[in-house]
Amino acid sequence: SSGSCSAMALDPQQALPSAPLGRPLRVAFFGTPALALPTLEAMLSRPDLCDVVAVVAQPDKPVGRGKKLRPPPVAKRATELGLPLFQPRRIRTGEFPEALEALDLDVAVVIAYGRILTTRHLETPRFGCINVHASLLPAWRGAGPIQWAILEGDERSGITTMWMEEGLDTGPILQVREIPIEARDTASTLGGKLAQLGAELLVETLSALQEGALSATSQPDQGGTYARILTKDDGILDWSRSAVELDRQVRGLTPWPGTFCGFRGDRLKVHSAEVVPGGLSDEVPPGSVAAGTIVGLSHEGIEVLCGDGVLRLTHLQPPGRKAQSAGDFARGYHPERGESLELPRQDAS
C-alpha cells in the first residue's frame, strides 16, 4: 500500500511527537464488546492524559426471540456517560470519514472494534491510530487471538500496543506486556486478565506519546501466525484427538462458540472438562472400546476415552436445559459405561 499513501499512515517515526505536548490528547475510541470497556474506563479516569472526544462502536444488533435492537457494551456505556457516540453502518463512505476529520484528533485508540479502518481513517488523527491487541505480535494476528493461544497450547499471552497500518495487525509495535497462560485458563478468564492488562498498557503508551517518548519497532518477519475467526463447527469434539487437545478445545472455546459432543442422538454442550491423570484404568483393556466411549462414571464426572488419554466431563448442558454439574446430569439422564458420545454423522458435518 505504499506510493499513493502519505507517510502518515506508514511512518510513525515522522508522525509521533518527539517533544512533550504539555496538554491532554484529543482521542477517539473505537471499540465494540465488553473486552474493550476497561480500556475506555482507564482513559476516562485520566483527564490529564486524554480527552475522549468521540466513541465509535458497531451498530445495535437484534437480539433474542423478539429481535429487539440492543446496543453493544461500548455503545451502551458511552450513552450512559454522555459521550459523543458514532455507530456508522458504513465507515468508508457517507458522512463518517468527514465527521471523524472534523474532530481534530491527536490519536485514535482501537480495541476489538470489528471493522477494518482505511488509510483515510488511519491518516485522520495527527499522531495516527493505536491498536490494543490481545496477543504477543506477530503471533495471532486476527480475530480470535485469545482463543487460539489456548487452543494451540501456548504458555504465554499478552497485550501489544501497535501503530496501525492497512495490513491485518501488521503495524509497528509500540509496547508489549506478557502474562502466563494458567493451566485452567479459559478464553473467558484469560480475556478478563488481558482486558485489564490492555487498559494499563494503553495508558502507559499514551503517556509515552504525550511525553514525546513513544517509539515504534517493526514486527519481525518470522513467527507470524493468524487467528482465524472461529465458527460453531470448531466446537465439535473429535474424540480421536488426545485428551490434552480436547481439554484445550473446551477451555479455548468457552464461552463462545462452546464445545459439543453427542448423547443419545442429541447435542450435548460441554462447559468444562479435565484430563484424567494416568489415563485409562486397568479394568478397561486397551483397544477394547472406541474413542468417544464412556469408560468411567464418578461424582467427579463422566470419563470418556480419547485417541490418547481420557477426558473427564465435569459440567454439561443438555439441549433446552441449564448448564449443570456432571453429577446432576448423571442423576437425571443415567449415562452408562460403554455408551458413545460421538455426534450423529449428519450433525458432525
Protein backbone atom coordinates (compact mmCIF):
# COMPACT_ATOMS: atom_id res chain seq x y z
CA SER A 1 0.00 0.00 0.00
CA SER A 2 2.98 2.34 -0.43
CA GLY A 3 3.14 5.04 -3.08
CA SER A 4 -0.31 6.59 -3.00
CA CYS A 5 -0.42 6.96 0.79
CA SER A 6 1.20 9.84 2.57
CA ALA A 7 3.93 8.99 5.07
CA MET A 8 1.42 9.49 7.87
CA ALA A 9 -0.19 6.04 7.91
CA LEU A 10 3.13 4.38 7.15
CA ASP A 11 5.83 6.11 9.15
CA PRO A 12 5.42 6.57 12.89
CA GLN A 13 8.98 7.90 13.05
CA GLN A 14 7.80 11.04 11.31
CA ALA A 15 4.31 11.27 12.82
CA LEU A 16 4.93 10.64 16.54
CA PRO A 17 5.85 13.73 18.58
CA SER A 18 9.48 14.00 19.71
CA ALA A 19 8.86 16.61 22.42
CA PRO A 20 6.34 16.76 25.31
CA LEU A 21 2.93 18.08 24.25
CA GLY A 22 2.06 19.64 27.61
CA ARG A 23 -1.68 19.06 27.10
CA PRO A 24 -4.22 16.22 27.09
CA LEU A 25 -4.52 14.23 23.83
CA ARG A 26 -7.72 14.56 21.78
CA VAL A 27 -8.74 10.91 21.35
CA ALA A 28 -11.45 8.95 19.54
CA PHE A 29 -12.10 5.48 20.98
CA PHE A 30 -13.07 2.65 18.60
CA GLY A 31 -14.39 -0.48 20.35
CA THR A 32 -17.46 -2.71 20.49
CA PRO A 33 -17.51 -5.64 23.01
CA ALA A 34 -17.16 -5.77 26.79
CA LEU A 35 -13.46 -6.64 26.35
CA ALA A 36 -12.88 -3.01 25.30
CA LEU A 37 -14.58 -1.41 28.33
CA PRO A 38 -11.67 -1.46 30.83
CA THR A 39 -9.53 0.45 28.30
CA LEU A 40 -12.23 3.08 27.77
CA GLU A 41 -12.70 3.47 31.56
CA ALA A 42 -8.93 3.76 32.08
CA MET A 43 -8.74 6.58 29.52
CA LEU A 44 -11.69 8.40 31.09
CA SER A 45 -10.01 8.18 34.51
CA ARG A 46 -7.04 10.22 33.19
CA PRO A 47 -8.35 13.63 32.01
CA ASP A 48 -4.78 14.95 32.37
CA LEU A 49 -3.73 12.45 29.68
CA CYS A 50 -6.62 12.29 27.27
CA ASP A 51 -9.86 13.95 26.31
CA VAL A 52 -12.16 11.32 24.78
CA VAL A 53 -13.98 13.45 22.21
CA ALA A 54 -15.83 10.58 20.49
CA VAL A 55 -16.63 6.89 20.85
CA VAL A 56 -17.15 4.71 17.76
CA ALA A 57 -18.87 1.31 18.07
CA GLN A 58 -20.65 -1.16 15.78
CA PRO A 59 -24.39 -0.57 15.18
CA ASP A 60 -27.03 -2.01 17.54
CA LYS A 61 -27.92 -5.64 16.77
CA PRO A 62 -31.24 -7.50 17.00
CA VAL A 63 -31.09 -9.94 19.94
CA GLY A 64 -33.25 -12.80 21.23
CA ARG A 65 -36.62 -14.06 20.05
CA GLY A 66 -38.18 -10.62 19.83
CA LYS A 67 -35.22 -9.38 17.71
CA LYS A 68 -35.12 -6.20 19.78
CA LEU A 69 -32.21 -3.94 18.94
CA ARG A 70 -29.55 -3.97 21.63
CA PRO A 71 -26.52 -1.67 21.75
CA PRO A 72 -23.10 -3.33 22.10
CA PRO A 73 -21.43 -2.85 25.53
CA VAL A 74 -19.20 0.07 24.45
CA ALA A 75 -22.11 1.97 22.88
CA LYS A 76 -24.25 1.41 25.95
CA ARG A 77 -21.52 2.73 28.26
CA ALA A 78 -20.82 5.76 26.07
CA THR A 79 -24.53 6.67 26.18
CA GLU A 80 -24.60 6.29 29.99
CA LEU A 81 -21.60 8.63 30.26
CA GLY A 82 -22.97 11.15 27.76
CA LEU A 83 -20.00 10.76 25.40
CA PRO A 84 -20.46 11.65 21.71
CA LEU A 85 -21.22 8.30 20.03
CA PHE A 86 -20.93 7.19 16.39
CA GLN A 87 -22.32 3.83 15.23
CA PRO A 88 -21.90 4.08 11.46
CA ARG A 89 -23.28 1.30 9.26
CA ARG A 90 -20.75 2.29 6.60
CA ILE A 91 -17.37 3.63 7.62
CA ARG A 92 -15.67 4.06 4.21
CA THR A 93 -18.34 6.20 2.57
CA GLY A 94 -21.10 8.55 3.65
CA GLU A 95 -20.77 11.06 6.45
CA PHE A 96 -18.47 9.20 8.83
CA PRO A 97 -14.99 9.89 7.36
CA GLU A 98 -15.69 13.65 7.29
CA ALA A 99 -17.21 13.62 10.78
CA LEU A 100 -14.01 11.94 12.02
CA GLU A 101 -11.85 14.55 10.26
CA ALA A 102 -13.85 17.36 11.88
CA LEU A 103 -12.89 16.14 15.39
CA ASP A 104 -9.31 17.45 15.12
CA LEU A 105 -7.91 14.26 16.68
CA ASP A 106 -4.44 13.68 18.04
CA VAL A 107 -4.88 9.91 18.10
CA ALA A 108 -7.46 7.15 17.74
CA VAL A 109 -7.40 4.12 20.04
CA VAL A 110 -8.82 0.89 18.56
CA ILE A 111 -9.63 -2.25 20.56
CA ALA A 112 -11.85 -5.04 19.18
CA TYR A 113 -13.86 -2.61 17.04
CA GLY A 114 -14.56 -5.28 14.42
CA ARG A 115 -14.12 -3.32 11.18
CA ILE A 116 -11.03 -2.68 9.03
CA LEU A 117 -10.05 1.00 9.00
CA THR A 118 -8.95 2.52 5.68
CA THR A 119 -5.88 4.62 5.00
CA ARG A 120 -8.10 7.71 5.18
CA HIS A 121 -9.20 6.80 8.73
CA LEU A 122 -5.66 5.92 9.78
CA GLU A 123 -4.32 9.25 8.49
CA THR A 124 -7.02 11.39 10.11
CA PRO A 125 -5.51 11.72 13.63
CA ARG A 126 -2.37 13.85 13.91
CA PHE A 127 -0.34 11.04 15.52
CA GLY A 128 -2.04 8.07 13.85
CA CYS A 129 -4.06 5.19 15.32
CA ILE A 130 -3.07 2.83 18.13
CA ASN A 131 -4.46 -0.69 18.37
CA VAL A 132 -4.63 -2.66 21.63
CA HIS A 133 -4.24 -6.30 20.50
CA ALA A 134 -4.60 -9.32 22.79
CA SER A 135 -1.56 -11.31 21.68
CA LEU A 136 2.22 -11.14 21.57
CA LEU A 137 2.51 -9.94 17.97
CA PRO A 138 3.39 -11.18 15.42
CA ALA A 139 1.75 -14.29 16.92
CA TRP A 140 -2.03 -14.49 16.50
CA ARG A 141 -2.87 -11.61 14.24
CA GLY A 142 -6.59 -11.55 13.51
CA ALA A 143 -9.93 -12.02 15.17
CA GLY A 144 -9.51 -14.74 17.81
CA PRO A 145 -6.07 -14.34 19.41
CA ILE A 146 -7.14 -15.29 22.94
CA GLN A 147 -8.90 -18.49 21.85
CA TRP A 148 -6.12 -19.62 19.55
CA ALA A 149 -3.38 -19.12 22.14
CA ILE A 150 -5.24 -21.61 24.39
CA LEU A 151 -6.21 -23.99 21.55
CA GLU A 152 -2.57 -24.29 20.46
CA GLY A 153 -1.22 -24.76 23.98
CA ASP A 154 0.81 -21.53 24.19
CA GLU A 155 2.41 -20.96 27.59
CA ARG A 156 2.21 -17.17 27.39
CA SER A 157 -0.08 -14.49 26.06
CA GLY A 158 -0.16 -10.74 26.48
CA ILE A 159 -1.03 -7.35 25.06
CA THR A 160 0.68 -5.50 22.24
CA THR A 161 0.00 -1.84 21.53
CA MET A 162 0.57 -1.34 17.84
CA TRP A 163 0.77 1.58 15.43
CA MET A 164 -1.91 0.78 12.85
CA GLU A 165 -1.31 0.40 9.13
CA GLU A 166 -3.55 -1.12 6.47
CA GLY A 167 -2.47 -4.75 6.92
CA LEU A 168 -4.19 -7.02 9.43
CA ASP A 169 -2.31 -6.47 12.72
CA THR A 170 0.97 -5.98 10.86
CA GLY A 171 1.83 -2.46 12.08
CA PRO A 172 4.92 -1.49 14.10
CA ILE A 173 4.95 -2.50 17.78
CA LEU A 174 4.83 0.26 20.40
CA GLN A 175 4.78 -1.57 23.76
CA VAL A 176 4.31 -5.17 24.96
CA ARG A 177 3.29 -6.76 28.24
CA GLU A 178 3.10 -10.54 28.71
CA ILE A 179 1.46 -12.91 31.20
CA PRO A 180 1.49 -16.70 31.62
CA ILE A 181 -1.49 -18.74 30.47
CA GLU A 182 -2.54 -20.70 33.57
CA ALA A 183 -3.30 -24.42 33.31
CA ARG A 184 -7.06 -23.94 33.79
CA ASP A 185 -7.50 -20.63 31.95
CA THR A 186 -10.47 -20.41 29.58
CA ALA A 187 -10.89 -17.83 26.83
CA SER A 188 -13.17 -16.05 29.31
CA THR A 189 -10.73 -15.92 32.26
CA LEU A 190 -7.71 -15.12 30.08
CA GLY A 191 -9.76 -12.48 28.26
CA GLY A 192 -10.63 -10.82 31.57
CA LYS A 193 -6.97 -10.65 32.59
CA LEU A 194 -5.90 -9.32 29.19
CA ALA A 195 -8.66 -6.68 29.22
CA GLN A 196 -7.20 -5.24 32.45
CA LEU A 197 -3.63 -5.55 31.19
CA GLY A 198 -4.59 -3.82 27.93
CA ALA A 199 -6.10 -0.89 29.83
CA GLU A 200 -2.88 -0.44 31.85
CA LEU A 201 -0.60 -0.75 28.82
CA LEU A 202 -2.65 1.66 26.72
CA VAL A 203 -2.38 4.32 29.44
CA GLU A 204 1.41 3.77 29.51
CA THR A 205 1.54 4.01 25.69
CA LEU A 206 -0.47 7.24 25.60
CA SER A 207 1.66 8.68 28.44
CA ALA A 208 4.82 7.99 26.43
CA LEU A 209 3.22 9.61 23.37
CA GLN A 210 2.21 12.69 25.39
CA GLU A 211 5.77 12.97 26.72
CA GLY A 212 7.24 12.73 23.22
CA ALA A 213 8.98 9.47 24.16
CA LEU A 214 6.99 6.86 22.18
CA SER A 215 8.85 4.90 19.53
CA ALA A 216 7.78 2.11 17.18
CA THR A 217 9.59 -1.08 16.15
CA SER A 218 8.74 -3.08 13.01
CA GLN A 219 7.28 -6.53 13.61
CA PRO A 220 9.70 -9.38 12.86
CA ASP A 221 9.15 -11.17 9.54
CA GLN A 222 9.25 -14.58 11.25
CA GLY A 223 6.81 -16.03 13.79
CA GLY A 224 3.62 -14.53 12.40
CA THR A 225 0.53 -16.66 12.95
CA TYR A 226 -3.09 -15.97 12.00
CA ALA A 227 -6.03 -16.37 14.40
CA ARG A 228 -8.87 -17.11 12.00
CA ILE A 229 -12.45 -16.38 13.00
CA LEU A 230 -13.99 -19.33 14.85
CA THR A 231 -17.29 -20.95 13.87
CA LYS A 232 -19.70 -23.25 15.70
CA ASP A 233 -18.18 -26.22 13.85
CA ASP A 234 -14.90 -25.57 15.65
CA GLY A 235 -16.73 -26.63 18.82
CA ILE A 236 -17.35 -30.24 17.74
CA LEU A 237 -15.29 -32.59 19.93
CA ASP A 238 -13.42 -35.14 17.81
CA TRP A 239 -12.73 -38.00 20.23
CA SER A 240 -9.93 -39.38 18.02
CA ARG A 241 -7.79 -36.45 19.24
CA SER A 242 -5.84 -36.54 22.50
CA ALA A 243 -7.40 -35.69 25.87
CA VAL A 244 -4.88 -32.83 26.22
CA GLU A 245 -6.01 -31.26 22.91
CA LEU A 246 -9.70 -31.69 23.74
CA ASP A 247 -9.19 -30.10 27.16
CA ARG A 248 -7.61 -27.09 25.41
CA GLN A 249 -10.51 -27.04 22.96
CA VAL A 250 -13.09 -26.87 25.77
CA ARG A 251 -11.16 -24.11 27.58
CA GLY A 252 -10.29 -22.15 24.43
CA LEU A 253 -13.87 -22.11 23.13
CA THR A 254 -15.51 -21.14 26.44
CA PRO A 255 -17.74 -19.10 26.36
CA TRP A 256 -18.01 -19.00 22.54
CA PRO A 257 -18.72 -20.95 20.39
CA GLY A 258 -18.73 -23.63 23.11
CA THR A 259 -17.93 -27.33 22.61
CA PHE A 260 -20.30 -30.17 21.80
CA CYS A 261 -20.46 -33.94 21.66
CA GLY A 262 -23.33 -36.37 21.06
CA PHE A 263 -25.60 -38.05 23.60
CA ARG A 264 -28.47 -40.34 22.54
CA GLY A 265 -28.95 -38.58 19.22
CA ASP A 266 -28.80 -35.04 20.60
CA ARG A 267 -26.08 -32.42 21.02
CA LEU A 268 -24.61 -32.20 24.50
CA LYS A 269 -22.74 -29.00 25.32
CA VAL A 270 -19.56 -29.41 27.37
CA HIS A 271 -18.83 -26.39 29.61
CA SER A 272 -15.81 -27.79 31.42
CA ALA A 273 -13.60 -30.85 31.37
CA GLU A 274 -10.21 -32.05 32.59
CA VAL A 275 -7.61 -34.61 31.61
CA VAL A 276 -7.75 -37.72 33.81
CA PRO A 277 -4.27 -38.24 35.30
CA GLY A 278 -2.92 -41.66 34.38
CA GLY A 279 -5.48 -42.17 31.60
CA LEU A 280 -7.36 -45.44 31.24
CA SER A 281 -7.98 -47.58 34.34
CA ASP A 282 -6.79 -51.21 34.33
CA GLU A 283 -10.33 -52.60 34.13
CA VAL A 284 -10.70 -51.45 30.50
CA PRO A 285 -8.33 -53.46 28.26
CA PRO A 286 -6.55 -51.23 25.68
CA GLY A 287 -8.20 -51.41 22.25
CA SER A 288 -11.41 -52.93 23.61
CA VAL A 289 -13.50 -49.78 23.17
CA ALA A 290 -13.64 -46.99 20.58
CA ALA A 291 -12.67 -43.37 21.18
CA GLY A 292 -15.70 -41.40 22.36
CA THR A 293 -16.92 -44.21 24.64
CA ILE A 294 -17.81 -43.59 28.30
CA VAL A 295 -15.28 -45.63 30.30
CA GLY A 296 -15.93 -44.31 33.82
CA LEU A 297 -18.61 -42.60 35.91
CA SER A 298 -17.96 -40.94 39.26
CA HIS A 299 -19.20 -38.00 41.31
CA GLU A 300 -16.31 -36.05 39.73
CA GLY A 301 -17.58 -36.51 36.18
CA ILE A 302 -18.07 -38.65 33.11
CA GLU A 303 -14.84 -40.18 31.78
CA VAL A 304 -14.53 -40.55 28.01
CA LEU A 305 -11.85 -42.42 26.06
CA CYS A 306 -9.93 -40.22 23.60
CA GLY A 307 -7.43 -41.02 20.85
CA ASP A 308 -4.80 -40.62 23.55
CA GLY A 309 -5.80 -40.49 27.22
CA VAL A 310 -9.13 -39.95 28.97
CA LEU A 311 -11.14 -36.74 29.32
CA ARG A 312 -13.43 -36.18 32.31
CA LEU A 313 -16.51 -34.06 31.54
CA THR A 314 -17.39 -32.04 34.64
CA HIS A 315 -20.02 -29.50 33.54
CA LEU A 316 -22.64 -30.24 30.89
CA GLN A 317 -25.71 -28.71 29.27
CA PRO A 318 -28.37 -30.92 27.67
CA PRO A 319 -30.50 -29.40 24.87
CA GLY A 320 -33.02 -26.89 26.20
CA ARG A 321 -31.72 -27.15 29.77
CA LYS A 322 -29.43 -25.11 32.01
CA ALA A 323 -25.78 -26.00 32.49
CA GLN A 324 -25.31 -28.49 35.34
CA SER A 325 -22.64 -30.48 37.10
CA ALA A 326 -21.82 -33.90 35.67
CA GLY A 327 -23.22 -35.40 38.88
CA ASP A 328 -26.61 -33.74 38.40
CA PHE A 329 -26.56 -34.74 34.73
CA ALA A 330 -25.84 -38.37 35.64
CA ARG A 331 -28.70 -38.45 38.16
CA GLY A 332 -31.14 -37.05 35.60
CA TYR A 333 -30.05 -38.91 32.46
CA HIS A 334 -28.32 -42.09 33.75
CA PRO A 335 -25.49 -42.30 31.19
CA GLU A 336 -23.91 -45.76 31.10
CA ARG A 337 -20.44 -47.11 30.59
CA GLY A 338 -19.98 -48.25 27.01
CA GLU A 339 -22.25 -45.52 25.58
CA SER A 340 -20.76 -43.44 22.77
CA LEU A 341 -20.63 -39.65 22.91
CA GLU A 342 -19.90 -39.33 19.18
CA LEU A 343 -22.09 -36.80 17.38
CA PRO A 344 -24.51 -38.35 14.88
CA ARG A 345 -22.98 -38.16 11.40
CA GLN A 346 -25.31 -35.56 9.84
CA ASP A 347 -24.64 -33.36 12.89
CA ALA A 348 -20.89 -33.65 12.64
CA SER A 349 -20.66 -32.39 9.06
